[in-house]
Amino acid sequence: MQAKRYFAFKDKLYCNTLSAVSKTTLLFQGYIMNEQEAEQFEKNKLFDLVIERRIWDGQVKETNYKMLDLDYIRKIMPVHLKNNQPIVIN
């Protein structure tokens, strides 16, 4: 929710990409951040993670996206998990 408000503040064209429903929920979420709210949000220790999650959230709504083959994902996932440490948030 905060990331959507932040993007609306940082990129004035961002609101044009939102669906009508998303624009309505933006109103209920406090609408577009002001400069002070955005500066405070940027100081959040999880800022990068929250922004990345919002970008992913937007990407899952895209259509005509070529999905990776599930067998391929099953094959590479153990290697990925072995070589990458999970994010630990205290």
N, C-alpha and C. Protein backbone atom coordinates (compact mmCIF):
# COMPACT_ATOMS: atom_id res chain seq x y z
N MET A 1 0.83 -1.18 0.00
CA MET A 1 0.00 0.00 0.00
C MET A 1 0.88 1.25 0.00
N GLN A 2 1.89 1.31 0.87
CA GLN A 2 2.75 2.49 0.92
C GLN A 2 3.55 2.65 -0.37
N ALA A 3 3.96 1.53 -0.95
CA ALA A 3 4.74 1.60 -2.19
C ALA A 3 3.91 2.19 -3.32
N LYS A 4 2.63 1.84 -3.39
CA LYS A 4 1.77 2.40 -4.44
C LYS A 4 1.63 3.91 -4.23
N ARG A 5 1.43 4.33 -3.00
CA ARG A 5 1.34 5.75 -2.70
C ARG A 5 2.64 6.47 -3.06
N TYR A 6 3.76 5.81 -2.78
CA TYR A 6 5.08 6.37 -3.07
C TYR A 6 5.28 6.52 -4.58
N PHE A 7 4.99 5.45 -5.33
CA PHE A 7 5.14 5.52 -6.78
C PHE A 7 4.27 6.62 -7.38
N ALA A 8 3.08 6.79 -6.84
CA ALA A 8 2.18 7.83 -7.33
C ALA A 8 2.78 9.22 -7.10
N PHE A 9 3.52 9.38 -6.00
CA PHE A 9 4.20 10.65 -5.71
C PHE A 9 5.41 10.85 -6.63
N LYS A 10 6.23 9.83 -6.76
CA LYS A 10 7.49 9.94 -7.51
C LYS A 10 7.28 10.03 -9.02
N ASP A 11 6.26 9.36 -9.52
CA ASP A 11 6.04 9.30 -10.97
C ASP A 11 4.60 9.67 -11.26
N LYS A 12 4.41 10.90 -11.71
CA LYS A 12 3.04 11.40 -11.93
C LYS A 12 2.29 10.58 -12.98
N LEU A 13 3.00 9.93 -13.89
CA LEU A 13 2.35 9.10 -14.90
C LEU A 13 1.93 7.74 -14.36
N TYR A 14 2.45 7.38 -13.19
CA TYR A 14 2.14 6.07 -12.59
C TYR A 14 0.64 5.89 -12.39
N CYS A 15 -0.03 6.93 -11.93
CA CYS A 15 -1.48 6.83 -11.70
C CYS A 15 -2.23 6.47 -12.97
N ASN A 16 -1.71 6.89 -14.12
CA ASN A 16 -2.36 6.57 -15.39
C ASN A 16 -2.31 5.07 -15.70
N THR A 17 -1.36 4.37 -15.08
CA THR A 17 -1.23 2.93 -15.34
C THR A 17 -2.12 2.10 -14.42
N LEU A 18 -2.69 2.72 -13.39
CA LEU A 18 -3.51 1.99 -12.42
C LEU A 18 -4.91 1.76 -12.97
N SER A 19 -5.46 0.61 -12.60
CA SER A 19 -6.85 0.33 -12.97
C SER A 19 -7.77 1.23 -12.16
N ALA A 20 -9.02 1.29 -12.56
CA ALA A 20 -10.00 2.11 -11.83
C ALA A 20 -10.12 1.63 -10.39
N VAL A 21 -10.13 0.32 -10.19
CA VAL A 21 -10.23 -0.23 -8.83
C VAL A 21 -9.01 0.16 -8.01
N SER A 22 -7.83 0.08 -8.61
CA SER A 22 -6.60 0.43 -7.90
C SER A 22 -6.57 1.91 -7.54
N LYS A 23 -7.09 2.75 -8.42
CA LYS A 23 -7.17 4.19 -8.11
C LYS A 23 -8.11 4.44 -6.94
N THR A 24 -9.20 3.69 -6.89
CA THR A 24 -10.15 3.83 -5.78
C THR A 24 -9.51 3.39 -4.48
N THR A 25 -8.80 2.26 -4.49
CA THR A 25 -8.16 1.81 -3.25
C THR A 25 -7.05 2.77 -2.84
N LEU A 26 -6.40 3.41 -3.80
CA LEU A 26 -5.38 4.42 -3.48
C LEU A 26 -5.99 5.55 -2.65
N LEU A 27 -7.20 5.93 -2.97
CA LEU A 27 -7.90 6.95 -2.17
C LEU A 27 -8.08 6.50 -0.73
N PHE A 28 -8.51 5.24 -0.55
CA PHE A 28 -8.73 4.71 0.80
C PHE A 28 -7.42 4.51 1.57
N GLN A 29 -6.31 4.38 0.84
CA GLN A 29 -5.01 4.13 1.47
C GLN A 29 -4.28 5.42 1.84
N GLY A 30 -4.91 6.55 1.61
CA GLY A 30 -4.29 7.83 1.96
C GLY A 30 -3.89 8.66 0.76
N TYR A 31 -4.20 8.18 -0.42
CA TYR A 31 -3.91 8.84 -1.69
C TYR A 31 -2.41 9.00 -1.89
N ILE A 32 -1.99 9.93 -2.71
CA ILE A 32 -0.59 10.09 -3.07
C ILE A 32 0.19 10.66 -1.89
N MET A 33 1.38 10.11 -1.65
CA MET A 33 2.23 10.63 -0.57
C MET A 33 2.61 12.08 -0.86
N ASN A 34 2.85 12.81 0.21
CA ASN A 34 3.45 14.13 0.04
C ASN A 34 4.97 13.97 0.17
N GLU A 35 5.70 15.05 -0.01
CA GLU A 35 7.16 14.97 0.00
C GLU A 35 7.71 14.47 1.34
N GLN A 36 7.13 14.95 2.42
CA GLN A 36 7.60 14.54 3.75
C GLN A 36 7.36 13.04 3.97
N GLU A 37 6.18 12.55 3.59
CA GLU A 37 5.89 11.11 3.73
C GLU A 37 6.85 10.27 2.88
N ALA A 38 7.13 10.74 1.67
CA ALA A 38 8.03 10.01 0.78
C ALA A 38 9.44 9.95 1.36
N GLU A 39 9.93 11.05 1.89
CA GLU A 39 11.26 11.07 2.50
C GLU A 39 11.33 10.11 3.68
N GLN A 40 10.29 10.08 4.49
CA GLN A 40 10.25 9.17 5.64
C GLN A 40 10.21 7.72 5.16
N PHE A 41 9.41 7.44 4.15
CA PHE A 41 9.29 6.10 3.60
C PHE A 41 10.63 5.62 3.04
N GLU A 42 11.38 6.49 2.40
CA GLU A 42 12.69 6.14 1.84
C GLU A 42 13.70 5.75 2.92
N LYS A 43 13.47 6.18 4.14
CA LYS A 43 14.37 5.85 5.25
C LYS A 43 14.07 4.50 5.88
N ASN A 44 12.94 3.90 5.51
CA ASN A 44 12.55 2.60 6.04
C ASN A 44 13.61 1.56 5.68
N LYS A 45 14.05 0.77 6.65
CA LYS A 45 15.11 -0.21 6.38
C LYS A 45 14.67 -1.28 5.38
N LEU A 46 13.38 -1.44 5.18
CA LEU A 46 12.87 -2.41 4.22
C LEU A 46 12.41 -1.75 2.91
N PHE A 47 12.78 -0.50 2.72
CA PHE A 47 12.34 0.26 1.56
C PHE A 47 12.57 -0.49 0.24
N ASP A 48 13.79 -0.94 0.00
CA ASP A 48 14.11 -1.61 -1.27
C ASP A 48 13.27 -2.87 -1.46
N LEU A 49 13.10 -3.62 -0.39
CA LEU A 49 12.30 -4.85 -0.47
C LEU A 49 10.84 -4.54 -0.77
N VAL A 50 10.30 -3.53 -0.13
CA VAL A 50 8.90 -3.14 -0.34
C VAL A 50 8.69 -2.66 -1.78
N ILE A 51 9.62 -1.88 -2.28
CA ILE A 51 9.53 -1.38 -3.66
C ILE A 51 9.61 -2.54 -4.64
N GLU A 52 10.53 -3.44 -4.40
CA GLU A 52 10.68 -4.60 -5.29
C GLU A 52 9.40 -5.44 -5.31
N ARG A 53 8.81 -5.64 -4.14
CA ARG A 53 7.57 -6.40 -4.05
C ARG A 53 6.45 -5.73 -4.83
N ARG A 54 6.38 -4.42 -4.76
CA ARG A 54 5.35 -3.68 -5.50
C ARG A 54 5.54 -3.83 -7.00
N ILE A 55 6.78 -3.81 -7.44
CA ILE A 55 7.06 -4.01 -8.86
C ILE A 55 6.62 -5.40 -9.28
N TRP A 56 6.94 -6.40 -8.47
CA TRP A 56 6.50 -7.77 -8.78
C TRP A 56 4.99 -7.85 -8.82
N ASP A 57 4.33 -7.18 -7.88
CA ASP A 57 2.87 -7.18 -7.83
C ASP A 57 2.29 -6.64 -9.13
N GLY A 58 2.90 -5.60 -9.65
CA GLY A 58 2.44 -5.05 -10.92
C GLY A 58 2.70 -5.97 -12.09
N GLN A 59 3.80 -6.68 -12.05
CA GLN A 59 4.17 -7.58 -13.14
C GLN A 59 3.24 -8.79 -13.24
N VAL A 60 2.71 -9.25 -12.11
CA VAL A 60 1.85 -10.44 -12.17
C VAL A 60 0.53 -10.14 -12.87
N LYS A 61 0.22 -8.88 -13.04
CA LYS A 61 -1.03 -8.50 -13.70
C LYS A 61 -0.86 -8.38 -15.21
N GLU A 62 0.39 -8.49 -15.68
CA GLU A 62 0.65 -8.39 -17.11
C GLU A 62 0.08 -9.60 -17.84
N THR A 63 -0.41 -9.37 -19.04
CA THR A 63 -0.91 -10.46 -19.86
C THR A 63 0.09 -10.73 -20.98
N ASN A 64 -0.11 -11.82 -21.66
CA ASN A 64 0.79 -12.23 -22.76
C ASN A 64 2.23 -12.40 -22.28
N TYR A 65 2.38 -12.91 -21.08
CA TYR A 65 3.70 -13.14 -20.51
C TYR A 65 4.05 -14.60 -20.71
N LYS A 66 5.21 -14.87 -21.28
CA LYS A 66 5.64 -16.24 -21.51
C LYS A 66 6.14 -16.82 -20.19
N MET A 67 5.49 -17.85 -19.73
CA MET A 67 5.85 -18.50 -18.47
C MET A 67 6.97 -19.50 -18.70
N LEU A 68 7.81 -19.66 -17.69
CA LEU A 68 8.84 -20.69 -17.76
C LEU A 68 8.19 -22.06 -17.60
N ASP A 69 8.79 -23.03 -18.22
CA ASP A 69 8.31 -24.40 -18.13
C ASP A 69 8.48 -24.91 -16.69
N LEU A 70 7.44 -25.53 -16.14
CA LEU A 70 7.46 -25.99 -14.75
C LEU A 70 8.56 -27.02 -14.52
N ASP A 71 8.80 -27.90 -15.47
CA ASP A 71 9.87 -28.89 -15.32
C ASP A 71 11.24 -28.21 -15.21
N TYR A 72 11.43 -27.14 -15.97
CA TYR A 72 12.68 -26.38 -15.90
C TYR A 72 12.84 -25.75 -14.52
N ILE A 73 11.76 -25.17 -14.00
CA ILE A 73 11.81 -24.55 -12.67
C ILE A 73 12.14 -25.58 -11.61
N ARG A 74 11.51 -26.75 -11.69
CA ARG A 74 11.79 -27.84 -10.73
C ARG A 74 13.26 -28.25 -10.78
N LYS A 75 13.85 -28.18 -11.95
CA LYS A 75 15.23 -28.59 -12.13
C LYS A 75 16.20 -27.56 -11.54
N ILE A 76 15.93 -26.28 -11.72
CA ILE A 76 16.89 -25.26 -11.26
C ILE A 76 16.66 -24.81 -9.81
N MET A 77 15.48 -25.05 -9.27
CA MET A 77 15.16 -24.55 -7.92
C MET A 77 16.08 -25.11 -6.84
N PRO A 78 16.38 -26.41 -6.81
CA PRO A 78 17.30 -26.89 -5.76
C PRO A 78 18.67 -26.21 -5.81
N VAL A 79 19.18 -25.95 -7.00
CA VAL A 79 20.47 -25.28 -7.15
C VAL A 79 20.37 -23.86 -6.63
N HIS A 80 19.30 -23.19 -6.99
CA HIS A 80 19.10 -21.81 -6.52
C HIS A 80 19.02 -21.76 -4.99
N LEU A 81 18.23 -22.63 -4.40
CA LEU A 81 18.07 -22.63 -2.95
C LEU A 81 19.37 -22.98 -2.23
N LYS A 82 20.14 -23.86 -2.83
CA LYS A 82 21.42 -24.23 -2.22
C LYS A 82 22.41 -23.08 -2.25
N ASN A 83 22.39 -22.29 -3.31
CA ASN A 83 23.38 -21.23 -3.50
C ASN A 83 22.97 -19.86 -2.98
N ASN A 84 21.74 -19.72 -2.50
CA ASN A 84 21.26 -18.42 -2.05
C ASN A 84 20.72 -18.52 -0.64
N GLN A 85 21.15 -17.59 0.18
CA GLN A 85 20.70 -17.55 1.56
C GLN A 85 19.35 -16.83 1.64
N PRO A 86 18.48 -17.29 2.50
CA PRO A 86 17.19 -16.60 2.65
C PRO A 86 17.39 -15.23 3.31
N ILE A 87 16.45 -14.35 3.05
CA ILE A 87 16.45 -13.03 3.69
C ILE A 87 15.93 -13.19 5.11
N VAL A 88 16.70 -12.74 6.07
CA VAL A 88 16.30 -12.81 7.47
C VAL A 88 16.02 -11.39 7.94
N ILE A 89 14.79 -11.18 8.41
CA ILE A 89 14.41 -9.85 8.90
C ILE A 89 14.20 -9.94 10.39
N ASN A 90 14.98 -9.17 11.12
CA ASN A 90 14.85 -9.16 12.58
C ASN A 90 13.96 -8.05 13.03
